[in-house]
Amino acid sequence: MLVQSLAILVLAGFVGFTVISKVPNTLHTPLMSGTNAIHGIVLLGGLVVLGLSADGVLNKILLVIAIAFGTINVVGGFLVTDRMLSMFKDKKKEGADS
């Protein structure tokens, strides 16, 4: 069972890397925003599992760690997306009246 789980993890990593490496730069920002939204749903699922069906201290600790890392990923992703989108906005000239 452990070997099968590791094989699935390695294959998923390979497929993910292959798919992401073929994404053009112009689609990176919308794709990143979409994955951040999906990850928010995953965080909600982790919170539900933590509150309802997590048995044992180790399971709860692992869930809290996963939720913390997921939250960092979502917040960081939205900050990076916002910064990337701000690069495409028109910059006002410094001497112009607003």
N, C-alpha and C. Protein backbone atom coordinates (compact mmCIF):
# COMPACT_ATOMS: atom_id res chain seq x y z
N MET A 1 0.83 -1.20 0.00
CA MET A 1 0.00 0.00 0.00
C MET A 1 0.87 1.26 0.00
N LEU A 2 1.95 1.24 0.76
CA LEU A 2 2.84 2.40 0.81
C LEU A 2 3.50 2.63 -0.55
N VAL A 3 3.90 1.56 -1.21
CA VAL A 3 4.54 1.68 -2.52
C VAL A 3 3.56 2.25 -3.54
N GLN A 4 2.31 1.81 -3.48
CA GLN A 4 1.30 2.34 -4.40
C GLN A 4 1.05 3.83 -4.14
N SER A 5 0.98 4.21 -2.89
CA SER A 5 0.76 5.61 -2.55
C SER A 5 1.93 6.48 -3.01
N LEU A 6 3.15 5.99 -2.82
CA LEU A 6 4.32 6.74 -3.28
C LEU A 6 4.35 6.83 -4.80
N ALA A 7 3.95 5.76 -5.49
CA ALA A 7 3.92 5.77 -6.95
C ALA A 7 2.90 6.80 -7.45
N ILE A 8 1.74 6.85 -6.81
CA ILE A 8 0.73 7.84 -7.19
C ILE A 8 1.24 9.25 -6.94
N LEU A 9 1.92 9.47 -5.82
CA LEU A 9 2.48 10.78 -5.51
C LEU A 9 3.50 11.21 -6.56
N VAL A 10 4.39 10.31 -6.93
CA VAL A 10 5.42 10.63 -7.93
C VAL A 10 4.78 10.90 -9.29
N LEU A 11 3.83 10.06 -9.69
CA LEU A 11 3.17 10.27 -10.97
C LEU A 11 2.37 11.57 -10.99
N ALA A 12 1.69 11.89 -9.89
CA ALA A 12 0.94 13.15 -9.83
C ALA A 12 1.88 14.35 -9.92
N GLY A 13 3.02 14.26 -9.26
CA GLY A 13 4.02 15.34 -9.34
C GLY A 13 4.54 15.51 -10.76
N PHE A 14 4.81 14.39 -11.43
CA PHE A 14 5.31 14.44 -12.80
C PHE A 14 4.27 15.03 -13.74
N VAL A 15 3.02 14.59 -13.63
CA VAL A 15 1.96 15.10 -14.49
C VAL A 15 1.73 16.59 -14.21
N GLY A 16 1.71 16.98 -12.94
CA GLY A 16 1.54 18.39 -12.60
C GLY A 16 2.64 19.25 -13.16
N PHE A 17 3.88 18.80 -13.04
CA PHE A 17 5.01 19.56 -13.58
C PHE A 17 4.91 19.68 -15.09
N THR A 18 4.54 18.59 -15.74
CA THR A 18 4.43 18.60 -17.20
C THR A 18 3.34 19.55 -17.67
N VAL A 19 2.20 19.52 -17.00
CA VAL A 19 1.09 20.40 -17.40
C VAL A 19 1.43 21.86 -17.15
N ILE A 20 1.97 22.18 -15.99
CA ILE A 20 2.27 23.57 -15.65
C ILE A 20 3.39 24.13 -16.52
N SER A 21 4.36 23.30 -16.88
CA SER A 21 5.48 23.81 -17.69
C SER A 21 5.04 24.19 -19.10
N LYS A 22 3.91 23.70 -19.55
CA LYS A 22 3.42 24.01 -20.89
C LYS A 22 2.46 25.21 -20.91
N VAL A 23 2.19 25.81 -19.77
CA VAL A 23 1.29 26.96 -19.71
C VAL A 23 2.04 28.22 -20.15
N PRO A 24 1.51 28.96 -21.12
CA PRO A 24 2.19 30.19 -21.54
C PRO A 24 2.14 31.26 -20.44
N ASN A 25 3.07 32.17 -20.50
CA ASN A 25 3.17 33.21 -19.47
C ASN A 25 1.91 34.05 -19.36
N THR A 26 1.22 34.30 -20.46
CA THR A 26 0.03 35.14 -20.42
C THR A 26 -1.13 34.48 -19.68
N LEU A 27 -1.12 33.16 -19.57
CA LEU A 27 -2.18 32.46 -18.86
C LEU A 27 -1.82 32.13 -17.43
N HIS A 28 -0.61 32.46 -17.01
CA HIS A 28 -0.17 32.06 -15.67
C HIS A 28 -0.99 32.73 -14.58
N THR A 29 -1.26 34.01 -14.71
CA THR A 29 -1.99 34.73 -13.66
C THR A 29 -3.43 34.23 -13.51
N PRO A 30 -4.20 34.08 -14.60
CA PRO A 30 -5.56 33.53 -14.41
C PRO A 30 -5.54 32.10 -13.87
N LEU A 31 -4.60 31.30 -14.30
CA LEU A 31 -4.51 29.93 -13.80
C LEU A 31 -4.18 29.92 -12.32
N MET A 32 -3.30 30.82 -11.89
CA MET A 32 -2.93 30.91 -10.48
C MET A 32 -4.13 31.34 -9.63
N SER A 33 -4.91 32.27 -10.13
CA SER A 33 -6.09 32.71 -9.39
C SER A 33 -7.09 31.58 -9.26
N GLY A 34 -7.27 30.82 -10.32
CA GLY A 34 -8.19 29.70 -10.27
C GLY A 34 -7.76 28.62 -9.29
N THR A 35 -6.48 28.32 -9.27
CA THR A 35 -6.00 27.30 -8.34
C THR A 35 -6.06 27.79 -6.90
N ASN A 36 -5.90 29.09 -6.69
CA ASN A 36 -6.05 29.63 -5.34
C ASN A 36 -7.48 29.49 -4.86
N ALA A 37 -8.44 29.72 -5.74
CA ALA A 37 -9.84 29.55 -5.37
C ALA A 37 -10.15 28.09 -5.04
N ILE A 38 -9.62 27.17 -5.83
CA ILE A 38 -9.81 25.75 -5.56
C ILE A 38 -9.16 25.37 -4.24
N HIS A 39 -8.00 25.92 -3.96
CA HIS A 39 -7.32 25.60 -2.71
C HIS A 39 -8.10 26.12 -1.51
N GLY A 40 -8.83 27.22 -1.70
CA GLY A 40 -9.70 27.70 -0.63
C GLY A 40 -10.78 26.68 -0.28
N ILE A 41 -11.30 25.99 -1.29
CA ILE A 41 -12.29 24.94 -1.05
C ILE A 41 -11.64 23.78 -0.30
N VAL A 42 -10.41 23.46 -0.65
CA VAL A 42 -9.68 22.40 0.04
C VAL A 42 -9.48 22.76 1.51
N LEU A 43 -9.18 24.03 1.78
CA LEU A 43 -9.04 24.47 3.17
C LEU A 43 -10.34 24.31 3.94
N LEU A 44 -11.44 24.66 3.31
CA LEU A 44 -12.74 24.48 3.95
C LEU A 44 -12.99 23.01 4.27
N GLY A 45 -12.65 22.13 3.35
CA GLY A 45 -12.78 20.69 3.60
C GLY A 45 -11.91 20.23 4.75
N GLY A 46 -10.70 20.76 4.84
CA GLY A 46 -9.81 20.41 5.95
C GLY A 46 -10.38 20.86 7.29
N LEU A 47 -10.98 22.03 7.30
CA LEU A 47 -11.60 22.51 8.54
C LEU A 47 -12.79 21.64 8.94
N VAL A 48 -13.58 21.21 7.96
CA VAL A 48 -14.72 20.35 8.26
C VAL A 48 -14.25 19.01 8.81
N VAL A 49 -13.24 18.43 8.17
CA VAL A 49 -12.70 17.15 8.65
C VAL A 49 -12.13 17.31 10.05
N LEU A 50 -11.43 18.40 10.30
CA LEU A 50 -10.85 18.64 11.63
C LEU A 50 -11.95 18.74 12.68
N GLY A 51 -13.05 19.39 12.35
CA GLY A 51 -14.11 19.58 13.32
C GLY A 51 -15.00 18.38 13.52
N LEU A 52 -15.16 17.56 12.49
CA LEU A 52 -16.14 16.49 12.58
C LEU A 52 -15.57 15.09 12.78
N SER A 53 -14.55 14.74 12.04
CA SER A 53 -14.19 13.33 12.04
C SER A 53 -12.72 13.03 12.29
N ALA A 54 -11.94 13.98 12.76
CA ALA A 54 -10.53 13.71 13.02
C ALA A 54 -10.39 13.02 14.38
N ASP A 55 -9.94 11.77 14.34
CA ASP A 55 -9.72 11.03 15.58
C ASP A 55 -8.22 10.93 15.84
N GLY A 56 -7.82 11.12 17.06
CA GLY A 56 -6.42 10.99 17.43
C GLY A 56 -5.70 12.31 17.36
N VAL A 57 -4.73 12.43 18.23
CA VAL A 57 -3.96 13.68 18.33
C VAL A 57 -3.09 13.90 17.09
N LEU A 58 -2.47 12.82 16.59
CA LEU A 58 -1.59 12.95 15.43
C LEU A 58 -2.37 13.43 14.20
N ASN A 59 -3.56 12.88 13.98
CA ASN A 59 -4.37 13.31 12.85
C ASN A 59 -4.74 14.78 12.96
N LYS A 60 -5.08 15.22 14.16
CA LYS A 60 -5.45 16.63 14.35
C LYS A 60 -4.26 17.55 14.13
N ILE A 61 -3.09 17.13 14.61
CA ILE A 61 -1.87 17.94 14.42
C ILE A 61 -1.55 18.05 12.93
N LEU A 62 -1.63 16.94 12.21
CA LEU A 62 -1.35 16.96 10.78
C LEU A 62 -2.36 17.82 10.02
N LEU A 63 -3.62 17.76 10.43
CA LEU A 63 -4.64 18.61 9.79
C LEU A 63 -4.39 20.09 10.04
N VAL A 64 -4.01 20.44 11.26
CA VAL A 64 -3.72 21.84 11.57
C VAL A 64 -2.53 22.33 10.76
N ILE A 65 -1.50 21.50 10.65
CA ILE A 65 -0.32 21.88 9.85
C ILE A 65 -0.71 22.05 8.39
N ALA A 66 -1.52 21.12 7.86
CA ALA A 66 -1.95 21.20 6.47
C ALA A 66 -2.80 22.45 6.23
N ILE A 67 -3.68 22.77 7.17
CA ILE A 67 -4.51 23.97 7.03
C ILE A 67 -3.65 25.23 7.09
N ALA A 68 -2.65 25.25 7.96
CA ALA A 68 -1.76 26.41 8.05
C ALA A 68 -0.98 26.61 6.75
N PHE A 69 -0.41 25.53 6.22
CA PHE A 69 0.33 25.65 4.96
C PHE A 69 -0.59 26.01 3.80
N GLY A 70 -1.79 25.46 3.80
CA GLY A 70 -2.75 25.81 2.76
C GLY A 70 -3.15 27.27 2.82
N THR A 71 -3.34 27.78 4.02
CA THR A 71 -3.69 29.20 4.19
C THR A 71 -2.56 30.09 3.70
N ILE A 72 -1.34 29.73 4.03
CA ILE A 72 -0.18 30.50 3.54
C ILE A 72 -0.14 30.48 2.02
N ASN A 73 -0.44 29.32 1.43
CA ASN A 73 -0.44 29.19 -0.02
C ASN A 73 -1.51 30.07 -0.66
N VAL A 74 -2.72 30.06 -0.11
CA VAL A 74 -3.81 30.85 -0.68
C VAL A 74 -3.51 32.35 -0.56
N VAL A 75 -3.14 32.80 0.62
CA VAL A 75 -2.87 34.23 0.83
C VAL A 75 -1.69 34.68 -0.02
N GLY A 76 -0.62 33.92 -0.02
CA GLY A 76 0.54 34.27 -0.83
C GLY A 76 0.23 34.27 -2.31
N GLY A 77 -0.58 33.31 -2.74
CA GLY A 77 -0.95 33.26 -4.15
C GLY A 77 -1.76 34.45 -4.58
N PHE A 78 -2.72 34.86 -3.74
CA PHE A 78 -3.51 36.03 -4.09
C PHE A 78 -2.66 37.30 -4.05
N LEU A 79 -1.70 37.39 -3.14
CA LEU A 79 -0.82 38.57 -3.13
C LEU A 79 0.05 38.63 -4.38
N VAL A 80 0.57 37.49 -4.79
CA VAL A 80 1.39 37.45 -6.01
C VAL A 80 0.53 37.77 -7.23
N THR A 81 -0.69 37.22 -7.28
CA THR A 81 -1.59 37.50 -8.39
C THR A 81 -1.92 38.99 -8.46
N ASP A 82 -2.20 39.60 -7.31
CA ASP A 82 -2.49 41.03 -7.28
C ASP A 82 -1.31 41.85 -7.76
N ARG A 83 -0.12 41.45 -7.36
CA ARG A 83 1.07 42.18 -7.78
C ARG A 83 1.30 42.02 -9.29
N MET A 84 1.07 40.82 -9.80
CA MET A 84 1.24 40.61 -11.24
C MET A 84 0.22 41.40 -12.05
N LEU A 85 -1.03 41.43 -11.56
CA LEU A 85 -2.05 42.20 -12.27
C LEU A 85 -1.79 43.69 -12.22
N SER A 86 -1.18 44.17 -11.14
CA SER A 86 -0.87 45.60 -11.04
C SER A 86 0.21 46.00 -12.04
N MET A 87 0.99 45.06 -12.52
CA MET A 87 2.00 45.38 -13.53
C MET A 87 1.36 45.72 -14.87
N PHE A 88 0.12 45.26 -15.10
CA PHE A 88 -0.55 45.51 -16.37
C PHE A 88 -1.40 46.78 -16.35
N LYS A 89 -1.56 47.41 -15.20
CA LYS A 89 -2.36 48.63 -15.11
C LYS A 89 -1.56 49.80 -15.66
N ASP A 90 -2.30 50.78 -16.18
CA ASP A 90 -1.64 51.99 -16.69
C ASP A 90 -1.09 52.78 -15.52
N LYS A 91 0.14 53.22 -15.66
CA LYS A 91 0.76 54.04 -14.62
C LYS A 91 0.48 55.50 -14.94
N LYS A 92 0.05 56.23 -13.93
CA LYS A 92 -0.19 57.67 -14.10
C LYS A 92 1.14 58.39 -14.15
N LYS A 93 1.17 59.43 -14.96
CA LYS A 93 2.39 60.23 -15.02
C LYS A 93 2.51 61.03 -13.75
N GLU A 94 3.73 61.20 -13.28
CA GLU A 94 3.95 61.87 -11.99
C GLU A 94 3.51 63.32 -12.00
N GLY A 95 3.62 64.03 -13.11
CA GLY A 95 3.29 65.45 -13.16
C GLY A 95 1.86 65.75 -13.55
N ALA A 96 1.08 64.73 -13.86
CA ALA A 96 -0.30 64.95 -14.33
C ALA A 96 -1.24 65.23 -13.17
N ASP A 97 -2.25 66.09 -13.43
CA ASP A 97 -3.27 66.37 -12.41
C ASP A 97 -4.26 65.23 -12.38
N SER A 98 -4.74 64.86 -11.20
CA SER A 98 -5.69 63.77 -11.07
C SER A 98 -7.09 64.28 -11.08
